[in-house]
Amino acid sequence: MRAHEKENKQSIKIVDILKEHWERFLQIYGEKIPEDMRESVIEAVEKAIKCGDPKYGYAEYICTNCTGSEKKKVAFTCKSRFCNRCGKVYIEKWVE
Protein backbone atom coordinates (compact mmCIF):
# COMPACT_ATOMS: atom_id res chain seq x y z
CA MET A 1 0.00 0.00 0.00
CA ARG A 2 1.38 3.40 -0.93
CA ALA A 3 1.94 6.11 1.67
CA HIS A 4 -0.82 8.39 0.33
CA GLU A 5 -3.27 5.46 0.33
CA LYS A 6 -2.55 4.85 4.02
CA GLU A 7 -3.19 8.51 4.79
CA ASN A 8 -6.57 8.42 3.02
CA LYS A 9 -7.63 5.10 4.51
CA GLN A 10 -10.07 5.70 7.35
CA SER A 11 -9.58 3.58 10.44
CA ILE A 12 -12.52 1.99 12.20
CA LYS A 13 -12.70 1.10 15.85
CA ILE A 14 -14.80 -1.56 17.51
CA VAL A 15 -16.35 1.10 19.74
CA ASP A 16 -17.59 2.86 16.58
CA ILE A 17 -19.25 -0.35 15.42
CA LEU A 18 -20.85 -0.80 18.83
CA LYS A 19 -22.09 2.80 18.92
CA GLU A 20 -23.61 2.49 15.48
CA HIS A 21 -25.17 -0.97 15.74
CA TRP A 22 -25.63 -1.96 19.39
CA GLU A 23 -29.25 -0.85 19.81
CA ARG A 24 -30.37 -2.64 16.64
CA PHE A 25 -28.38 -5.76 17.57
CA LEU A 26 -30.02 -5.79 20.97
CA GLN A 27 -33.49 -5.48 19.43
CA ILE A 28 -32.90 -8.39 17.06
CA TYR A 29 -30.73 -10.73 19.14
CA GLY A 30 -31.17 -9.57 22.75
CA GLU A 31 -33.42 -12.49 23.60
CA LYS A 32 -30.72 -14.93 22.47
CA ILE A 33 -28.35 -13.73 25.19
CA PRO A 34 -28.83 -16.16 28.11
CA GLU A 35 -31.17 -14.55 30.61
CA ASP A 36 -28.79 -15.00 33.55
CA MET A 37 -26.06 -13.14 31.59
CA ARG A 38 -28.14 -10.54 29.77
CA GLU A 39 -27.88 -7.75 32.34
CA SER A 40 -24.09 -8.04 32.68
CA VAL A 41 -23.58 -8.28 28.89
CA ILE A 42 -25.64 -5.14 28.30
CA GLU A 43 -23.81 -3.33 31.09
CA ALA A 44 -20.38 -4.31 29.71
CA VAL A 45 -21.20 -3.18 26.17
CA GLU A 46 -22.72 0.10 27.33
CA LYS A 47 -19.68 0.81 29.53
CA ALA A 48 -17.37 0.15 26.55
CA ILE A 49 -19.43 2.49 24.36
CA LYS A 50 -19.05 5.31 26.92
CA CYS A 51 -15.34 4.62 27.58
CA GLY A 52 -13.13 7.64 27.04
CA ASP A 53 -16.01 9.99 26.19
CA PRO A 54 -15.60 13.21 28.20
CA LYS A 55 -19.36 13.80 28.34
CA TYR A 56 -19.50 10.89 30.83
CA GLY A 57 -16.84 12.36 33.07
CA TYR A 58 -13.28 13.58 32.97
CA ALA A 59 -10.43 14.92 35.08
CA GLU A 60 -9.08 18.35 34.24
CA TYR A 61 -5.41 19.08 34.78
CA ILE A 62 -4.31 22.69 35.08
CA CYS A 63 -0.73 23.90 34.81
CA THR A 64 0.27 25.67 38.02
CA ASN A 65 3.37 27.18 36.43
CA CYS A 66 1.49 29.18 33.80
CA THR A 67 -1.32 30.70 35.91
CA GLY A 68 -3.80 28.07 34.76
CA SER A 69 -3.82 29.02 31.08
CA GLU A 70 -2.77 25.51 30.07
CA LYS A 71 -5.53 22.95 30.72
CA LYS A 72 -5.97 19.34 29.69
CA LYS A 73 -9.13 17.25 30.03
CA VAL A 74 -8.67 13.49 30.30
CA ALA A 75 -11.81 11.40 29.91
CA PHE A 76 -12.50 8.56 32.34
CA THR A 77 -12.18 5.01 31.06
CA CYS A 78 -14.60 2.17 31.83
CA LYS A 79 -12.00 -0.28 33.23
CA SER A 80 -13.98 -3.16 31.74
CA ARG A 81 -12.26 -6.32 30.51
CA PHE A 82 -14.72 -6.35 27.60
CA CYS A 83 -13.53 -2.96 26.30
CA ASN A 84 -10.73 -3.13 23.74
CA ARG A 85 -8.82 -0.24 25.26
CA CYS A 86 -9.27 -1.13 28.94
CA GLY A 87 -9.17 -4.90 28.41
CA LYS A 88 -5.71 -4.59 26.89
CA VAL A 89 -4.47 -2.83 30.04
CA TYR A 90 -6.18 -5.46 32.22
CA ILE A 91 -4.48 -8.30 30.33
CA GLU A 92 -1.06 -6.63 30.44
CA LYS A 93 -1.34 -6.23 34.22
CA TRP A 94 -2.49 -9.85 34.57
CA VAL A 95 0.48 -11.09 32.50
CA GLU A 96 2.91 -9.19 34.73
C-alpha atoms as a PDB file:
ATOM      1  CA  MET A   1       0.000   0.000   0.000  1.00  0.00           C
ATOM      2  CA  ARG A   2       1.378   3.399  -0.934  1.00  0.00           C
ATOM      3  CA  ALA A   3       1.939   6.112   1.673  1.00  0.00           C
ATOM      4  CA  HIS A   4      -0.822   8.387   0.325  1.00  0.00           C
ATOM      5  CA  GLU A   5      -3.271   5.458   0.326  1.00  0.00           C
ATOM      6  CA  LYS A   6      -2.545   4.847   4.017  1.00  0.00           C
ATOM      7  CA  GLU A   7      -3.195   8.508   4.788  1.00  0.00           C
ATOM      8  CA  ASN A   8      -6.569   8.425   3.016  1.00  0.00           C
ATOM      9  CA  LYS A   9      -7.629   5.104   4.514  1.00  0.00           C
ATOM     10  CA  GLN A  10     -10.071   5.699   7.347  1.00  0.00           C
ATOM     11  CA  SER A  11      -9.576   3.582  10.443  1.00  0.00           C
ATOM     12  CA  ILE A  12     -12.517   1.995  12.198  1.00  0.00           C
ATOM     13  CA  LYS A  13     -12.700   1.095  15.854  1.00  0.00           C
ATOM     14  CA  ILE A  14     -14.801  -1.560  17.510  1.00  0.00           C
ATOM     15  CA  VAL A  15     -16.347   1.099  19.737  1.00  0.00           C
ATOM     16  CA  ASP A  16     -17.589   2.863  16.585  1.00  0.00           C
ATOM     17  CA  ILE A  17     -19.249  -0.348  15.417  1.00  0.00           C
ATOM     18  CA  LEU A  18     -20.852  -0.796  18.830  1.00  0.00           C
ATOM     19  CA  LYS A  19     -22.087   2.803  18.922  1.00  0.00           C
ATOM     20  CA  GLU A  20     -23.614   2.494  15.482  1.00  0.00           C
ATOM     21  CA  HIS A  21     -25.171  -0.969  15.736  1.00  0.00           C
ATOM     22  CA  TRP A  22     -25.634  -1.961  19.394  1.00  0.00           C
ATOM     23  CA  GLU A  23     -29.252  -0.847  19.806  1.00  0.00           C
ATOM     24  CA  ARG A  24     -30.368  -2.644  16.637  1.00  0.00           C
ATOM     25  CA  PHE A  25     -28.376  -5.763  17.569  1.00  0.00           C
ATOM     26  CA  LEU A  26     -30.024  -5.791  20.975  1.00  0.00           C
ATOM     27  CA  GLN A  27     -33.492  -5.479  19.426  1.00  0.00           C
ATOM     28  CA  ILE A  28     -32.896  -8.392  17.064  1.00  0.00           C
ATOM     29  CA  TYR A  29     -30.726 -10.734  19.143  1.00  0.00           C
ATOM     30  CA  GLY A  30     -31.165  -9.573  22.753  1.00  0.00           C
ATOM     31  CA  GLU A  31     -33.421 -12.487  23.605  1.00  0.00           C
ATOM     32  CA  LYS A  32     -30.725 -14.927  22.470  1.00  0.00           C
ATOM     33  CA  ILE A  33     -28.353 -13.727  25.187  1.00  0.00           C
ATOM     34  CA  PRO A  34     -28.830 -16.159  28.110  1.00  0.00           C
ATOM     35  CA  GLU A  35     -31.173 -14.554  30.611  1.00  0.00           C
ATOM     36  CA  ASP A  36     -28.794 -14.997  33.549  1.00  0.00           C
ATOM     37  CA  MET A  37     -26.064 -13.139  31.592  1.00  0.00           C
ATOM     38  CA  ARG A  38     -28.145 -10.535  29.766  1.00  0.00           C
ATOM     39  CA  GLU A  39     -27.880  -7.746  32.338  1.00  0.00           C
ATOM     40  CA  SER A  40     -24.093  -8.042  32.678  1.00  0.00           C
ATOM     41  CA  VAL A  41     -23.580  -8.276  28.889  1.00  0.00           C
ATOM     42  CA  ILE A  42     -25.643  -5.142  28.297  1.00  0.00           C
ATOM     43  CA  GLU A  43     -23.810  -3.331  31.093  1.00  0.00           C
ATOM     44  CA  ALA A  44     -20.381  -4.308  29.707  1.00  0.00           C
ATOM     45  CA  VAL A  45     -21.197  -3.178  26.173  1.00  0.00           C
ATOM     46  CA  GLU A  46     -22.716   0.102  27.334  1.00  0.00           C
ATOM     47  CA  LYS A  47     -19.675   0.807  29.526  1.00  0.00           C
ATOM     48  CA  ALA A  48     -17.373   0.154  26.551  1.00  0.00           C
ATOM     49  CA  ILE A  49     -19.433   2.493  24.364  1.00  0.00           C
ATOM     50  CA  LYS A  50     -19.046   5.309  26.917  1.00  0.00           C
ATOM     51  CA  CYS A  51     -15.343   4.621  27.576  1.00  0.00           C
ATOM     52  CA  GLY A  52     -13.131   7.642  27.037  1.00  0.00           C
ATOM     53  CA  ASP A  53     -16.009   9.992  26.187  1.00  0.00           C
ATOM     54  CA  PRO A  54     -15.603  13.209  28.199  1.00  0.00           C
ATOM     55  CA  LYS A  55     -19.364  13.797  28.341  1.00  0.00           C
ATOM     56  CA  TYR A  56     -19.504  10.889  30.828  1.00  0.00           C
ATOM     57  CA  GLY A  57     -16.839  12.361  33.074  1.00  0.00           C
ATOM     58  CA  TYR A  58     -13.278  13.579  32.966  1.00  0.00           C
ATOM     59  CA  ALA A  59     -10.434  14.923  35.080  1.00  0.00           C
ATOM     60  CA  GLU A  60      -9.082  18.348  34.243  1.00  0.00           C
ATOM     61  CA  TYR A  61      -5.410  19.077  34.777  1.00  0.00           C
ATOM     62  CA  ILE A  62      -4.313  22.686  35.078  1.00  0.00           C
ATOM     63  CA  CYS A  63      -0.734  23.904  34.814  1.00  0.00           C
ATOM     64  CA  THR A  64       0.269  25.667  38.025  1.00  0.00           C
ATOM     65  CA  ASN A  65       3.373  27.182  36.425  1.00  0.00           C
ATOM     66  CA  CYS A  66       1.490  29.180  33.796  1.00  0.00           C
ATOM     67  CA  THR A  67      -1.320  30.705  35.912  1.00  0.00           C
ATOM     68  CA  GLY A  68      -3.799  28.071  34.761  1.00  0.00           C
ATOM     69  CA  SER A  69      -3.819  29.018  31.082  1.00  0.00           C
ATOM     70  CA  GLU A  70      -2.770  25.507  30.070  1.00  0.00           C
ATOM     71  CA  LYS A  71      -5.534  22.954  30.716  1.00  0.00           C
ATOM     72  CA  LYS A  72      -5.967  19.344  29.693  1.00  0.00           C
ATOM     73  CA  LYS A  73      -9.128  17.247  30.026  1.00  0.00           C
ATOM     74  CA  VAL A  74      -8.670  13.492  30.298  1.00  0.00           C
ATOM     75  CA  ALA A  75     -11.813  11.398  29.913  1.00  0.00           C
ATOM     76  CA  PHE A  76     -12.497   8.563  32.342  1.00  0.00           C
ATOM     77  CA  THR A  77     -12.181   5.006  31.061  1.00  0.00           C
ATOM     78  CA  CYS A  78     -14.597   2.172  31.834  1.00  0.00           C
ATOM     79  CA  LYS A  79     -12.003  -0.284  33.226  1.00  0.00           C
ATOM     80  CA  SER A  80     -13.984  -3.159  31.736  1.00  0.00           C
ATOM     81  CA  ARG A  81     -12.263  -6.320  30.513  1.00  0.00           C
ATOM     82  CA  PHE A  82     -14.719  -6.352  27.600  1.00  0.00           C
ATOM     83  CA  CYS A  83     -13.530  -2.962  26.302  1.00  0.00           C
ATOM     84  CA  ASN A  84     -10.729  -3.135  23.738  1.00  0.00           C
ATOM     85  CA  ARG A  85      -8.821  -0.238  25.261  1.00  0.00           C
ATOM     86  CA  CYS A  86      -9.269  -1.132  28.941  1.00  0.00           C
ATOM     87  CA  GLY A  87      -9.168  -4.896  28.407  1.00  0.00           C
ATOM     88  CA  LYS A  88      -5.711  -4.590  26.894  1.00  0.00           C
ATOM     89  CA  VAL A  89      -4.473  -2.832  30.040  1.00  0.00           C
ATOM     90  CA  TYR A  90      -6.185  -5.458  32.216  1.00  0.00           C
ATOM     91  CA  ILE A  91      -4.481  -8.304  30.330  1.00  0.00           C
ATOM     92  CA  GLU A  92      -1.057  -6.628  30.435  1.00  0.00           C
ATOM     93  CA  LYS A  93      -1.342  -6.227  34.219  1.00  0.00           C
ATOM     94  CA  TRP A  94      -2.491  -9.849  34.570  1.00  0.00           C
ATOM     95  CA  VAL A  95       0.477 -11.085  32.504  1.00  0.00           C
ATOM     96  CA  GLU A  96       2.914  -9.195  34.734  1.00  0.00           C
END
